[in-house]
Amino acid sequence: METLIQKTPSAYDYPLLIKNILLNPYAYNPNQEIVFKDTDRITYSQMRERIAKLASALINMGVKPGDTVAVMDWDSHRYLECYFAIPMIGAVIHMINIRLSAEQLIFTIAQAEDKVILVNPDFLPLLEQIKGRINTVEKFILLGGKDEKPNTTINLSDNYEELLNKNKPLGEFPDFDENTRATTFFTTGTTGLPKGVYFSHRQIVLHTMAMMGALTIPALKSRFHMEDVYMPITPMYHVHAWGVPFIATMLGIKQVYPGRYIPELLLKLIAAEKVTFSHCVPTIINMLLTDPTSKNFDLSSWKVIIGGSALPRAIVIEALKRGIDIYCGYGMSETCPVITIQHLSEQEHKLPPDERASLLVRTGRPVGFVDLKLISPAGEAPSDDKSTGEVVVRAPWFTQGYLKDTTNSEKLWEGGWLHTQDVACRDATGSIRITDRTKDVIKIGGEWVSSLEIEDILTLFPGVAEAAIIGYPHANWGEVPFALIVPKAGETIRERDLMKHIKKYIDLGLLSRETILMKIKFVDALDRTSVGKINKVELRNKHL
């Protein structure tokens, strides 16, 4: 007998659109502040009006649904307004990575088919280098104050603030298909040209809702809630600043945007605006903790999610000494980005700092709706916290593929799972621990050795500021670990002392015995990508 599935019609077919993220803060907290550096303050109600005026201005200058509007800016209230106004009229916001080379900028602007670029005065010199080679762009808008008149060869159509002043707010934002593309940005990568990823309204709303749920799980610490004060320290051009501005806006909480990342300014804003919640990469938190002015500031009310690359235990231990509530999240550009978050239980928070740090550097458990597997050549890896496999995932907010790149899109989603190229193990509680990238694992005589585990232990040695491990070709072993060490300022490290430190962890069984073959080189700095990750491709090119 055939079974019929009955559908219940809805009185209103509610599309999951970015505009609906704005409903709550204006209804419940209209006078809450959004702060830019120490210069500008607006309320949520004012932001809503500014978003509506920007939408009108874009429509009046000819931006149509499906057109792409690009933004080049530091973290600002204006950037936040662009997060909403551009996609809410059915256009696409292209968040330009301002750290890209001239050739990469030309490529990404052409791929995204940018029609309008809103640009901070600081980045006009970048556009001047390429202005004759970006043929899709029809208008340039200056992202600055009313009185800013930069000396530039770029033909600026208008000034952002003046544009808002001469346009009436858009009365009502339209409904349209929730699967409409809302955002585009480009992965930085380490080889070749950047790859464009893109997300729909539906995907961003689902990611926002899932993240809101995931960040409220803990009973005490690490929670993101309505009484927090939020300041991003992840660039707004990088994966929607991890999606947290959307969450903060939906919660209607106070937001602080710091502009360019200057350590002393960041620390002053944390103190003056009573910032309680941020997110950043390990490089940034280390920069703040080691800044000479840092000890003058009380950071004991600050919660910080760390992602982007492996978090060394040495940084966690130092953060805990300062009273910082630090923990990890994990994801990638293609996943919008969050896949997992590492929350500790109340009992785990009572552990000694060293034990707590070992838990806090883990990349955590999958957030809601994320289906995650660890796949090895032998099949799915067991949850014994030792067996490793590539992290493959599915969730409703992951990118469908790469913009105008069918070949790499098919590789990304081979077999119906998104392939992260990260290697991890998982414990009995479901918490995963990234051990390496598939391309960075050191293969010594058939044994796989984790470069991340060696790096973590090297940074625990007094005097080591940073460490990176790459594979060094070896006639007998295939390759051995090659440690590139950045000493702390004024410190002298002896190689034999560093090797004694490593041997101690080998003897404890925390590093494989093959690690004793490691070579060491002291360097002044480690090469990085445009978002602050260690660039191991460039390190191999330079040091091998």
Protein backbone atom coordinates (compact mmCIF):
# COMPACT_ATOMS: atom_id res chain seq x y z
CA MET A 1 0.00 0.00 0.00
CA GLU A 2 1.39 3.36 -1.02
CA THR A 3 2.00 5.82 1.80
CA LEU A 4 1.36 9.47 1.02
CA ILE A 5 3.35 12.18 2.78
CA GLN A 6 1.05 15.04 3.63
CA LYS A 7 2.40 18.56 3.56
CA THR A 8 0.94 21.17 5.87
CA PRO A 9 0.76 24.56 4.15
CA SER A 10 2.19 27.54 6.01
CA ALA A 11 0.31 30.79 6.46
CA TYR A 12 3.55 32.60 5.59
CA ASP A 13 6.39 30.96 3.70
CA TYR A 14 9.18 32.34 5.90
CA PRO A 15 12.47 32.53 3.95
CA LEU A 16 15.70 32.36 5.95
CA LEU A 17 17.10 35.75 4.92
CA ILE A 18 19.84 37.86 6.49
CA LYS A 19 17.34 40.71 6.98
CA ASN A 20 15.59 38.63 9.67
CA ILE A 21 18.73 38.62 11.83
CA LEU A 22 18.00 42.31 12.38
CA LEU A 23 14.53 41.85 13.86
CA ASN A 24 15.37 41.22 17.53
CA PRO A 25 17.88 43.96 18.42
CA TYR A 26 15.60 46.73 17.19
CA ALA A 27 12.59 45.31 19.00
CA TYR A 28 14.32 44.64 22.32
CA ASN A 29 17.50 46.71 22.54
CA PRO A 30 17.26 49.67 20.14
CA ASN A 31 19.52 51.97 22.19
CA GLN A 32 22.41 49.53 22.57
CA GLU A 33 25.73 50.88 21.28
CA ILE A 34 27.99 49.95 18.38
CA VAL A 35 31.42 51.55 18.83
CA PHE A 36 34.17 52.24 16.29
CA LYS A 37 37.61 52.68 17.88
CA ASP A 38 37.40 55.61 20.27
CA THR A 39 35.81 57.96 17.73
CA ASP A 40 32.27 56.87 16.71
CA ARG A 41 29.20 55.59 18.54
CA ILE A 42 25.84 54.68 17.05
CA THR A 43 22.80 52.86 18.42
CA TYR A 44 21.19 49.79 16.87
CA SER A 45 18.28 51.97 15.74
CA GLN A 46 20.70 54.33 14.02
CA MET A 47 22.48 51.39 12.41
CA ARG A 48 19.16 50.10 11.07
CA GLU A 49 18.47 53.49 9.49
CA ARG A 50 22.02 53.65 8.05
CA ILE A 51 21.62 50.17 6.57
CA ALA A 52 18.35 51.24 4.95
CA LYS A 53 19.97 54.40 3.54
CA LEU A 54 22.94 52.42 2.15
CA ALA A 55 20.50 50.01 0.51
CA SER A 56 18.67 52.92 -1.15
CA ALA A 57 21.94 54.45 -2.28
CA LEU A 58 23.10 51.21 -3.90
CA ILE A 59 19.78 50.71 -5.67
CA ASN A 60 19.81 54.33 -6.90
CA MET A 61 23.30 53.91 -8.36
CA GLY A 62 22.11 50.91 -10.37
CA VAL A 63 23.00 47.89 -8.20
CA LYS A 64 20.55 45.11 -9.05
CA PRO A 65 19.84 41.70 -7.49
CA GLY A 66 22.71 39.37 -8.36
CA ASP A 67 25.28 42.19 -8.76
CA THR A 68 28.42 42.07 -6.62
CA VAL A 69 29.47 44.93 -4.35
CA ALA A 70 32.97 44.67 -2.85
CA VAL A 71 34.27 46.07 0.44
CA MET A 72 37.88 46.95 1.34
CA ASP A 73 38.04 48.06 4.96
CA TRP A 74 39.44 47.48 8.43
CA ASP A 75 36.96 46.20 11.03
CA SER A 76 34.39 48.98 11.40
CA HIS A 77 30.73 49.85 11.98
CA ARG A 78 30.56 50.70 8.26
CA TYR A 79 31.73 47.18 7.37
CA LEU A 80 29.00 45.77 9.64
CA GLU A 81 26.40 47.89 7.80
CA CYS A 82 27.66 46.46 4.49
CA TYR A 83 27.29 42.92 5.92
CA PHE A 84 23.54 43.59 5.93
CA ALA A 85 22.62 46.25 3.37
CA ILE A 86 24.28 44.62 0.35
CA PRO A 87 22.80 41.09 0.60
CA MET A 88 19.45 42.41 1.88
CA ILE A 89 18.73 43.97 -1.54
CA GLY A 90 19.57 40.68 -3.25
CA ALA A 91 23.12 41.69 -4.22
CA VAL A 92 26.30 39.84 -3.21
CA ILE A 93 28.94 41.26 -0.86
CA HIS A 94 32.53 40.44 -1.84
CA MET A 95 34.75 40.79 1.22
CA ILE A 96 38.12 41.62 -0.34
CA ASN A 97 41.21 40.32 1.42
CA ILE A 98 43.35 43.45 1.63
CA ARG A 99 46.50 41.35 2.19
CA LEU A 100 46.45 39.84 -1.30
CA SER A 101 49.05 40.71 -3.91
CA ALA A 102 48.17 42.99 -6.84
CA GLU A 103 47.78 40.04 -9.23
CA GLN A 104 45.59 38.18 -6.74
CA LEU A 105 43.40 41.28 -6.27
CA ILE A 106 42.92 41.58 -10.04
CA PHE A 107 41.99 37.89 -10.23
CA THR A 108 39.51 37.95 -7.34
CA ILE A 109 37.77 41.14 -8.48
CA ALA A 110 37.37 39.69 -11.97
CA GLN A 111 36.16 36.31 -10.69
CA ALA A 112 33.60 37.91 -8.38
CA GLU A 113 32.59 40.40 -11.13
CA ASP A 114 32.61 43.34 -8.72
CA LYS A 115 30.42 46.21 -9.95
CA VAL A 116 31.04 48.65 -7.07
CA ILE A 117 33.92 48.83 -4.58
CA LEU A 118 33.57 50.56 -1.23
CA VAL A 119 37.12 51.35 -0.15
CA ASN A 120 38.82 52.66 2.98
CA PRO A 121 41.29 55.50 2.19
CA ASP A 122 44.16 53.29 3.42
CA PHE A 123 43.62 50.92 0.49
CA LEU A 124 43.40 53.43 -2.34
CA PRO A 125 47.12 52.86 -3.17
CA LEU A 126 46.32 49.16 -3.75
CA LEU A 127 43.61 50.08 -6.24
CA GLU A 128 45.82 52.68 -7.91
CA GLN A 129 48.28 49.88 -8.77
CA ILE A 130 45.62 47.91 -10.64
CA LYS A 131 42.99 50.48 -11.70
CA GLY A 132 43.47 49.91 -15.42
CA ARG A 133 43.02 46.15 -15.06
CA ILE A 134 39.73 45.81 -13.14
CA ASN A 135 37.25 46.21 -15.94
CA THR A 136 34.06 45.09 -14.21
CA VAL A 137 34.12 47.91 -11.64
CA GLU A 138 31.88 50.88 -12.49
CA LYS A 139 32.01 52.91 -9.26
CA PHE A 140 34.32 53.47 -6.30
CA ILE A 141 32.85 54.74 -3.00
CA LEU A 142 35.12 56.14 -0.28
CA LEU A 143 34.55 54.43 3.08
CA GLY A 144 35.38 57.42 5.23
CA GLY A 145 34.09 60.40 7.16
CA LYS A 146 32.31 63.36 5.52
CA ASP A 147 35.41 65.55 5.51
CA GLU A 148 37.88 63.01 4.13
CA LYS A 149 39.31 64.11 0.76
CA PRO A 150 42.20 61.78 -0.05
CA ASN A 151 44.72 62.62 -2.75
CA THR A 152 44.17 59.78 -5.22
CA THR A 153 43.99 58.99 -8.92
CA ILE A 154 40.97 56.73 -8.32
CA ASN A 155 37.78 58.33 -9.60
CA LEU A 156 35.66 58.28 -6.44
CA SER A 157 31.93 58.53 -7.16
CA ASP A 158 30.98 59.48 -3.63
CA ASN A 159 31.80 59.45 0.07
CA TYR A 160 30.03 56.84 2.23
CA GLU A 161 28.75 59.27 4.87
CA GLU A 162 27.65 61.85 2.29
CA LEU A 163 25.94 59.06 0.35
CA LEU A 164 23.90 58.09 3.42
CA ASN A 165 22.95 61.71 4.10
CA LYS A 166 21.47 62.29 0.66
CA ASN A 167 19.46 59.05 0.42
CA LYS A 168 16.18 58.23 2.18
CA PRO A 169 15.96 54.90 4.02
CA LEU A 170 14.57 51.99 2.04
CA GLY A 171 11.10 51.42 3.42
CA GLU A 172 10.98 47.64 3.28
CA PHE A 173 13.50 45.02 2.25
CA PRO A 174 12.17 42.43 -0.18
CA ASP A 175 11.56 38.73 0.33
CA PHE A 176 13.26 36.44 -2.18
CA ASP A 177 14.58 32.89 -2.46
CA GLU A 178 16.62 32.05 0.66
CA ASN A 179 19.09 30.14 -1.53
CA THR A 180 20.16 33.40 -3.19
CA ARG A 181 23.91 33.96 -2.93
CA ALA A 182 24.71 36.54 -0.23
CA THR A 183 28.50 36.53 0.24
CA THR A 184 31.70 35.75 -1.61
CA PHE A 185 35.30 35.78 -0.47
CA PHE A 186 38.49 34.03 -1.51
CA THR A 187 40.59 31.50 0.38
CA THR A 188 44.17 32.67 0.79
CA GLY A 189 45.84 29.30 0.23
CA THR A 190 49.58 28.84 -0.05
CA THR A 191 49.91 27.89 -3.71
CA GLY A 192 48.26 29.06 -6.90
CA LEU A 193 45.48 31.60 -7.21
CA PRO A 194 42.89 32.10 -4.44
CA LYS A 195 39.69 30.05 -4.65
CA GLY A 196 36.32 31.77 -4.25
CA VAL A 197 33.80 30.38 -1.80
CA TYR A 198 30.23 31.58 -1.51
CA PHE A 199 27.27 31.29 0.82
CA SER A 200 23.52 31.81 0.54
CA HIS A 201 21.20 33.65 2.91
CA ARG A 202 19.88 30.31 4.16
CA GLN A 203 23.40 29.03 4.92
CA ILE A 204 24.40 32.15 6.87
CA VAL A 205 21.18 32.15 8.92
CA LEU A 206 21.57 28.43 9.73
CA HIS A 207 25.23 28.93 10.72
CA THR A 208 24.20 31.86 12.94
CA MET A 209 21.51 29.80 14.68
CA ALA A 210 23.75 26.76 15.15
CA MET A 211 26.56 28.91 16.55
CA MET A 212 24.19 30.69 18.95
CA GLY A 213 23.22 27.30 20.31
CA ALA A 214 26.79 26.01 20.48
CA LEU A 215 28.12 29.07 22.31
CA THR A 216 25.48 28.85 25.05
CA ILE A 217 26.16 25.19 26.00
CA PRO A 218 28.58 25.69 28.95
CA ALA A 219 27.07 26.13 32.41
CA LEU A 220 29.59 28.75 33.51
CA LYS A 221 32.61 29.77 31.45
CA SER A 222 33.00 30.32 27.68
CA ARG A 223 29.39 31.36 27.12
CA PHE A 224 28.38 34.10 24.67
CA HIS A 225 25.26 35.84 25.99
CA MET A 226 23.21 39.04 25.97
CA GLU A 227 25.30 40.79 28.66
CA ASP A 228 28.59 40.36 26.76
CA VAL A 229 30.48 43.12 24.96
CA TYR A 230 31.85 41.85 21.65
CA MET A 231 34.97 42.90 19.76
CA PRO A 232 36.27 40.89 16.78
CA ILE A 233 40.02 40.50 16.32
CA THR A 234 39.61 38.36 13.23
CA PRO A 235 39.40 40.47 10.04
CA MET A 236 35.86 41.01 8.82
CA TYR A 237 37.00 39.97 5.33
CA HIS A 238 37.99 36.53 6.67
CA VAL A 239 35.01 34.11 6.65
CA HIS A 240 32.53 36.78 7.87
CA ALA A 241 34.77 37.32 10.94
CA TRP A 242 33.87 33.69 11.72
CA GLY A 243 30.18 34.64 11.56
CA VAL A 244 30.18 36.20 15.04
CA PRO A 245 29.05 39.72 13.97
CA PHE A 246 25.80 38.14 12.77
CA ILE A 247 25.36 36.42 16.15
CA ALA A 248 26.23 39.56 18.13
CA THR A 249 23.72 41.58 16.10
CA MET A 250 20.99 38.98 16.55
CA LEU A 251 21.64 39.05 20.32
CA GLY A 252 21.50 42.84 20.33
CA ILE A 253 24.66 43.19 22.40
CA LYS A 254 27.19 46.01 22.50
CA GLN A 255 29.75 45.70 19.70
CA VAL A 256 33.18 47.32 19.45
CA TYR A 257 35.05 47.54 16.13
CA PRO A 258 38.78 48.38 16.46
CA GLY A 259 39.78 49.33 12.93
CA ARG A 260 43.37 48.30 12.29
CA TYR A 261 44.85 45.89 14.84
CA ILE A 262 47.26 47.90 16.99
CA PRO A 263 48.07 46.08 20.27
CA GLU A 264 47.90 49.11 22.55
CA LEU A 265 44.59 50.27 21.00
CA LEU A 266 43.07 46.78 21.31
CA LEU A 267 44.05 46.58 24.95
CA LYS A 268 42.70 50.08 25.65
CA LEU A 269 39.38 49.22 23.99
CA ILE A 270 39.08 46.02 26.02
CA ALA A 271 39.52 48.06 29.19
CA ALA A 272 37.54 51.19 28.28
CA GLU A 273 34.55 49.47 26.63
CA LYS A 274 34.61 46.48 29.01
CA VAL A 275 34.99 43.96 26.18
CA THR A 276 34.21 40.41 27.36
CA PHE A 277 34.15 38.34 24.16
CA SER A 278 36.52 38.15 21.18
CA HIS A 279 38.02 35.70 18.72
CA CYS A 280 41.40 35.62 17.00
CA VAL A 281 44.24 33.46 15.67
CA PRO A 282 47.10 32.35 17.99
CA THR A 283 49.44 35.00 16.53
CA ILE A 284 47.15 37.82 17.71
CA ILE A 285 46.61 36.56 21.27
CA ASN A 286 50.36 35.98 21.58
CA MET A 287 51.00 39.52 20.28
CA LEU A 288 48.67 40.96 22.93
CA LEU A 289 50.04 38.87 25.79
CA THR A 290 53.64 39.80 24.98
CA ASP A 291 53.02 43.50 24.28
CA PRO A 292 54.94 45.63 26.83
CA THR A 293 51.75 47.51 27.80
CA SER A 294 49.72 44.31 28.33
CA LYS A 295 50.54 43.97 32.03
CA ASN A 296 48.85 47.31 32.68
CA PHE A 297 45.46 45.88 31.73
CA ASP A 298 43.11 43.55 33.59
CA LEU A 299 42.05 40.81 31.15
CA SER A 300 40.34 38.55 33.69
CA SER A 301 36.82 39.19 32.27
CA TRP A 302 37.81 38.37 28.71
CA LYS A 303 36.63 35.27 26.82
CA VAL A 304 38.50 34.42 23.61
CA ILE A 305 37.88 31.76 20.96
CA ILE A 306 41.07 30.78 19.15
CA GLY A 307 41.04 29.30 15.65
CA GLY A 308 42.76 29.49 12.29
CA SER A 309 45.74 27.36 13.32
CA ALA A 310 46.95 25.16 16.17
CA LEU A 311 46.95 26.81 19.60
CA PRO A 312 50.20 26.13 21.52
CA ARG A 313 49.80 25.08 25.15
CA ALA A 314 52.37 27.69 26.15
CA ILE A 315 49.98 30.45 25.03
CA VAL A 316 47.06 28.82 26.86
CA ILE A 317 49.06 28.60 30.10
CA GLU A 318 50.06 32.27 29.85
CA ALA A 319 46.45 33.28 29.10
CA LEU A 320 45.18 31.31 32.09
CA LYS A 321 47.69 33.11 34.33
CA ARG A 322 46.06 36.38 33.21
CA GLY A 323 42.58 35.02 33.99
CA ILE A 324 41.54 34.83 30.32
CA ASP A 325 38.82 32.32 29.47
CA ILE A 326 40.47 30.88 26.35
CA TYR A 327 39.27 27.96 24.22
CA CYS A 328 39.39 26.62 20.67
CA GLY A 329 37.09 26.50 17.71
CA TYR A 330 37.76 24.79 14.38
CA GLY A 331 36.65 25.33 10.82
CA MET A 332 37.76 26.57 7.43
CA SER A 333 36.74 29.08 4.78
CA GLU A 334 34.67 26.46 2.99
CA THR A 335 32.61 25.67 6.13
CA CYS A 336 31.37 29.25 6.88
CA PRO A 337 33.48 28.48 9.12
CA VAL A 338 32.63 26.72 12.41
CA ILE A 339 32.67 22.91 12.63
CA THR A 340 33.63 22.26 16.27
CA ILE A 341 34.04 24.14 19.57
CA GLN A 342 35.93 22.95 22.65
CA HIS A 343 33.92 23.57 25.82
CA LEU A 344 35.05 22.22 29.19
CA SER A 345 32.80 20.94 31.94
CA GLU A 346 32.68 22.58 35.38
CA GLN A 347 34.88 19.77 36.76
CA GLU A 348 37.42 20.14 33.94
CA HIS A 349 37.73 23.86 34.68
CA LYS A 350 38.90 22.92 38.20
CA LEU A 351 41.89 20.93 36.90
CA PRO A 352 45.45 22.28 37.36
CA PRO A 353 46.50 24.74 34.60
CA ASP A 354 48.74 22.23 32.77
CA GLU A 355 45.98 19.61 32.57
CA ARG A 356 43.38 22.21 31.65
CA ALA A 357 45.65 23.56 28.91
CA SER A 358 45.95 20.10 27.35
CA LEU A 359 42.15 20.00 27.05
CA LEU A 360 41.74 23.59 25.91
CA VAL A 361 44.03 23.17 22.88
CA ARG A 362 41.76 20.44 21.49
CA THR A 363 39.50 21.49 18.63
CA GLY A 364 36.38 20.19 20.34
CA ARG A 365 33.07 18.56 19.53
CA PRO A 366 30.95 19.15 16.42
CA VAL A 367 28.31 21.88 16.73
CA GLY A 368 24.69 21.06 15.96
CA PHE A 369 23.86 19.72 12.47
CA VAL A 370 27.53 18.91 11.73
CA ASP A 371 28.10 15.30 10.67
CA LEU A 372 31.82 14.51 11.12
CA LYS A 373 33.90 11.42 10.34
CA LEU A 374 37.60 10.58 10.53
CA ILE A 375 38.52 8.49 7.50
CA SER A 376 41.80 6.57 7.25
CA PRO A 377 42.96 4.13 4.54
CA ALA A 378 41.66 1.34 6.80
CA GLY A 379 38.23 2.93 7.18
CA GLU A 380 36.65 5.12 9.86
CA ALA A 381 39.06 5.71 12.74
CA PRO A 382 37.94 4.50 16.20
CA SER A 383 37.40 7.02 19.02
CA ASP A 384 40.51 6.08 21.01
CA ASP A 385 42.28 9.48 20.82
CA LYS A 386 45.18 7.79 19.00
CA SER A 387 43.95 6.50 15.65
CA THR A 388 43.90 9.26 13.04
CA GLY A 389 42.00 9.97 9.86
CA GLU A 390 41.12 12.83 7.57
CA VAL A 391 38.29 15.01 8.86
CA VAL A 392 35.36 14.81 6.42
CA VAL A 393 32.16 16.69 7.22
CA ARG A 394 28.67 17.65 6.14
CA ALA A 395 26.42 20.47 7.33
CA PRO A 396 23.70 22.59 5.69
CA TRP A 397 25.82 25.77 5.68
CA PHE A 398 28.95 24.52 3.89
CA THR A 399 29.82 26.09 0.54
CA GLN A 400 28.59 24.17 -2.51
CA GLY A 401 32.00 24.53 -4.12
CA TYR A 402 34.49 27.01 -5.50
CA LEU A 403 33.38 29.92 -7.66
CA LYS A 404 33.76 29.09 -11.38
CA ASP A 405 35.99 26.09 -10.54
CA THR A 406 34.22 22.79 -11.21
CA THR A 407 37.35 20.61 -10.90
CA ASN A 408 38.32 21.73 -7.41
CA SER A 409 34.67 21.79 -6.32
CA GLU A 410 34.35 18.11 -7.20
CA LYS A 411 37.55 17.30 -5.26
CA LEU A 412 36.27 19.25 -2.25
CA TRP A 413 33.01 17.26 -2.15
CA GLU A 414 34.33 13.89 -3.33
CA GLY A 415 31.98 11.11 -2.25
CA GLY A 416 29.40 13.57 -0.90
CA TRP A 417 31.56 14.69 2.04
CA LEU A 418 33.55 17.90 2.33
CA HIS A 419 37.25 16.99 2.60
CA THR A 420 39.10 19.29 5.01
CA GLN A 421 42.59 17.78 4.42
CA ASP A 422 43.07 17.96 8.20
CA VAL A 423 44.18 14.85 10.09
CA ALA A 424 42.69 14.29 13.55
CA CYS A 425 41.92 11.78 16.27
CA ARG A 426 38.81 11.63 18.47
CA ASP A 427 38.29 10.64 22.10
CA ALA A 428 35.37 8.76 23.65
CA THR A 429 33.50 12.02 24.36
CA GLY A 430 33.53 13.01 20.67
CA SER A 431 36.17 15.74 21.09
CA ILE A 432 38.59 15.85 18.19
CA ARG A 433 42.23 16.87 18.20
CA ILE A 434 43.80 18.04 14.94
CA THR A 435 47.22 16.42 14.57
CA ASP A 436 48.22 17.75 11.15
CA ARG A 437 47.35 18.73 7.62
CA THR A 438 47.47 15.75 5.24
CA LYS A 439 50.24 17.50 3.30
CA ASP A 440 52.26 18.41 6.42
CA VAL A 441 52.48 15.03 8.16
CA ILE A 442 56.14 13.98 8.53
CA LYS A 443 56.65 10.48 7.13
CA ILE A 444 59.71 8.83 8.75
CA GLY A 445 60.45 5.35 7.40
CA GLY A 446 56.74 4.56 7.04
CA GLU A 447 55.75 6.06 10.41
CA TRP A 448 53.59 9.20 10.48
CA VAL A 449 54.76 11.87 12.92
CA SER A 450 52.58 14.89 13.76
CA SER A 451 54.23 18.23 13.08
CA LEU A 452 51.67 20.02 15.29
CA GLU A 453 52.48 17.87 18.34
CA ILE A 454 56.22 18.59 17.99
CA GLU A 455 55.56 22.33 17.52
CA ASP A 456 53.40 22.42 20.64
CA ILE A 457 56.10 20.81 22.79
CA LEU A 458 58.86 23.00 21.34
CA THR A 459 56.94 26.16 22.36
CA LEU A 460 56.88 24.92 25.97
CA PHE A 461 60.68 25.31 26.11
CA PRO A 462 61.70 28.56 27.85
CA GLY A 463 63.00 31.07 25.32
CA VAL A 464 61.06 29.72 22.31
CA ALA A 465 58.64 32.27 20.87
CA GLU A 466 57.43 30.24 17.89
CA ALA A 467 58.20 26.95 16.15
CA ALA A 468 57.31 25.36 12.82
CA ILE A 469 58.04 21.80 11.66
CA ILE A 470 58.49 20.83 8.03
CA GLY A 471 59.79 17.60 6.49
CA TYR A 472 63.52 17.46 5.66
CA PRO A 473 64.54 14.95 2.94
CA HIS A 474 66.67 12.07 4.29
CA ALA A 475 68.39 9.31 2.26
CA ASN A 476 67.58 6.52 4.73
CA TRP A 477 64.38 7.64 6.45
CA GLY A 478 62.61 9.42 3.58
CA GLU A 479 62.24 12.57 5.68
CA VAL A 480 62.85 13.73 9.22
CA PRO A 481 61.39 16.66 11.22
CA PHE A 482 63.05 20.01 10.54
CA ALA A 483 62.37 22.55 13.31
CA LEU A 484 62.46 26.27 12.51
CA ILE A 485 62.73 28.08 15.84
CA VAL A 486 62.10 31.77 16.57
CA PRO A 487 63.72 32.63 19.94
CA LYS A 488 62.13 35.18 22.24
CA ALA A 489 63.71 38.64 22.17
CA GLY A 490 67.04 38.65 23.96
CA GLU A 491 67.09 34.85 24.47
CA THR A 492 69.87 32.49 23.37
CA ILE A 493 68.90 28.84 22.96
CA ARG A 494 71.37 25.98 22.65
CA GLU A 495 70.41 23.21 20.25
CA ARG A 496 71.48 20.44 22.65
CA ASP A 497 69.22 21.85 25.39
CA LEU A 498 66.29 21.89 22.99
CA MET A 499 66.96 18.27 22.04
CA LYS A 500 67.09 17.28 25.74
CA HIS A 501 63.67 18.90 26.10
CA ILE A 502 62.35 16.87 23.15
CA LYS A 503 63.88 13.60 24.46
CA LYS A 504 62.06 14.08 27.78
CA TYR A 505 58.72 13.95 25.93
CA ILE A 506 59.87 10.99 23.84
CA ASP A 507 60.74 9.10 27.05
CA LEU A 508 57.29 9.92 28.45
CA GLY A 509 55.71 8.44 25.32
CA LEU A 510 54.19 11.78 24.27
CA LEU A 511 56.28 11.98 21.08
CA SER A 512 57.23 9.14 18.77
CA ARG A 513 60.80 7.86 19.12
CA GLU A 514 61.51 8.90 15.52
CA THR A 515 61.33 12.55 16.62
CA ILE A 516 64.90 12.21 17.93
CA LEU A 517 66.06 12.50 14.29
CA MET A 518 64.90 16.13 14.21
CA LYS A 519 67.10 18.86 12.74
CA ILE A 520 66.97 22.42 14.13
CA LYS A 521 67.48 25.86 12.61
CA PHE A 522 67.08 29.21 14.38
CA VAL A 523 65.33 31.93 12.36
CA ASP A 524 64.23 35.52 12.94
CA ALA A 525 60.63 35.00 11.84
CA LEU A 526 58.22 32.52 10.25
CA ASP A 527 56.55 33.26 6.92
CA ARG A 528 52.79 33.65 7.14
CA THR A 529 49.75 33.78 4.88
CA SER A 530 47.58 36.90 4.57
CA VAL A 531 45.41 35.80 7.54
CA GLY A 532 48.32 35.04 9.86
CA LYS A 533 48.73 31.28 9.41
CA ILE A 534 52.24 29.84 9.17
CA ASN A 535 53.00 29.37 5.48
CA LYS A 536 54.75 26.01 5.33
CA VAL A 537 54.96 26.04 1.54
CA GLU A 538 57.04 29.23 1.70
CA LEU A 539 59.11 27.81 4.58
CA ARG A 540 59.94 24.75 2.47
CA ASN A 541 60.89 26.94 -0.50
CA LYS A 542 63.12 29.11 1.68
CA HIS A 543 64.82 26.60 3.98
CA LEU A 544 65.05 23.29 2.10
